[in-house]
Amino acid sequence: MPIYEFRCEGCGQIFEHLALNRNEEGGVSCPHCGGRELSRVMSVCSAVTDGGGKGERPQPQVQNRSCPNAGSCTTITLPGHER
């Protein structure tokens, strides 16, 4: 079920509408003024990553340590694959 965004040509209000099917789009009216002259608006999306919002990709984290009876051990933690 897509969520469409519309702009009312009468009052300029932008609003969302959850459409159960494509035919339902014709019965939409502005919740602010009741206007039916609407334009579809391109929706904006966002995503959150471990990159800190700087456009960086999360990197694997490597941890080296000494382990008894083995000398040294390495643990690699991959982004998005938490224990």
Protein backbone atom coordinates (compact mmCIF):
# COMPACT_ATOMS: atom_id res chain seq x y z
CA MET A 1 0.00 0.00 0.00
CA PRO A 2 1.78 3.13 -1.17
CA ILE A 3 1.75 6.44 0.64
CA TYR A 4 1.33 9.26 -1.87
CA GLU A 5 2.15 12.92 -1.22
CA PHE A 6 0.00 15.66 -2.71
CA ARG A 7 0.10 19.46 -2.89
CA CYS A 8 -3.22 21.30 -2.89
CA GLU A 9 -3.31 23.85 -5.70
CA GLY A 10 -5.82 25.93 -3.70
CA CYS A 11 -3.98 26.44 -0.40
CA GLY A 12 -0.50 25.02 -1.07
CA GLN A 13 -0.77 22.47 1.76
CA ILE A 14 1.32 19.28 1.28
CA PHE A 15 -0.13 16.11 2.78
CA GLU A 16 0.18 12.32 2.63
CA HIS A 17 -2.49 9.81 1.65
CA LEU A 18 -2.32 6.04 2.18
CA ALA A 19 -3.87 4.46 -0.93
CA LEU A 20 -5.26 0.95 -0.71
CA ASN A 21 -5.26 0.78 -4.52
CA ARG A 22 -4.41 3.04 -7.47
CA ASN A 23 -8.09 3.82 -8.20
CA GLU A 24 -8.45 5.43 -4.78
CA GLU A 25 -6.23 8.35 -5.83
CA GLY A 26 -9.17 10.03 -7.62
CA GLY A 27 -11.19 10.51 -4.41
CA VAL A 28 -8.53 12.39 -2.45
CA SER A 29 -9.17 15.90 -1.14
CA CYS A 30 -7.06 18.35 0.85
CA PRO A 31 -7.52 17.83 4.62
CA HIS A 32 -6.82 21.55 5.20
CA CYS A 33 -9.27 23.25 2.80
CA GLY A 34 -11.16 20.35 1.15
CA GLY A 35 -9.80 21.28 -2.30
CA ARG A 36 -9.71 18.58 -4.95
CA GLU A 37 -7.24 20.21 -7.36
CA LEU A 38 -4.10 18.34 -6.35
CA SER A 39 -0.63 17.64 -7.73
CA ARG A 40 1.45 14.61 -6.82
CA VAL A 41 4.69 15.50 -5.03
CA MET A 42 7.93 13.53 -5.25
CA SER A 43 8.51 11.96 -1.83
CA VAL A 44 11.80 12.30 0.04
CA CYS A 45 13.38 9.36 1.80
CA SER A 46 16.18 9.03 4.31
CA ALA A 47 18.31 6.26 5.75
CA VAL A 48 20.37 5.97 8.91
CA THR A 49 23.68 4.15 8.86
CA ASP A 50 26.58 3.80 11.24
CA GLY A 51 28.51 6.27 9.06
CA GLY A 52 27.45 9.15 11.27
CA GLY A 53 25.47 10.92 8.55
CA LYS A 54 28.61 12.03 6.73
CA GLY A 55 28.08 9.85 3.67
CA GLU A 56 30.64 7.35 4.96
CA ARG A 57 30.11 3.62 4.77
CA PRO A 58 30.35 1.69 8.04
CA GLN A 59 33.64 -0.21 8.18
CA PRO A 60 34.39 -3.58 9.78
CA GLN A 61 36.01 -3.25 13.19
CA VAL A 62 39.09 -5.35 13.91
CA GLN A 63 40.14 -6.10 17.47
CA ASN A 64 43.50 -7.77 18.17
CA ARG A 65 44.26 -9.14 21.61
CA SER A 66 46.42 -11.74 23.31
CA CYS A 67 44.71 -15.01 24.13
CA PRO A 68 45.92 -17.63 26.62
CA ASN A 69 47.39 -20.75 24.98
CA ALA A 70 47.00 -19.23 21.47
CA GLY A 71 49.32 -16.23 21.41
CA SER A 72 47.07 -13.69 19.74
CA CYS A 73 43.43 -13.58 18.59
CA THR A 74 41.61 -11.34 16.13
CA THR A 75 37.89 -10.53 16.14
CA ILE A 76 36.26 -8.86 13.14
CA THR A 77 32.85 -7.23 13.67
CA LEU A 78 30.91 -6.57 10.46
CA PRO A 79 28.47 -3.62 10.34
CA GLY A 80 24.87 -4.80 10.63
CA HIS A 81 25.85 -8.23 11.97
CA GLU A 82 25.66 -7.82 15.72
CA ARG A 83 25.72 -10.79 18.10
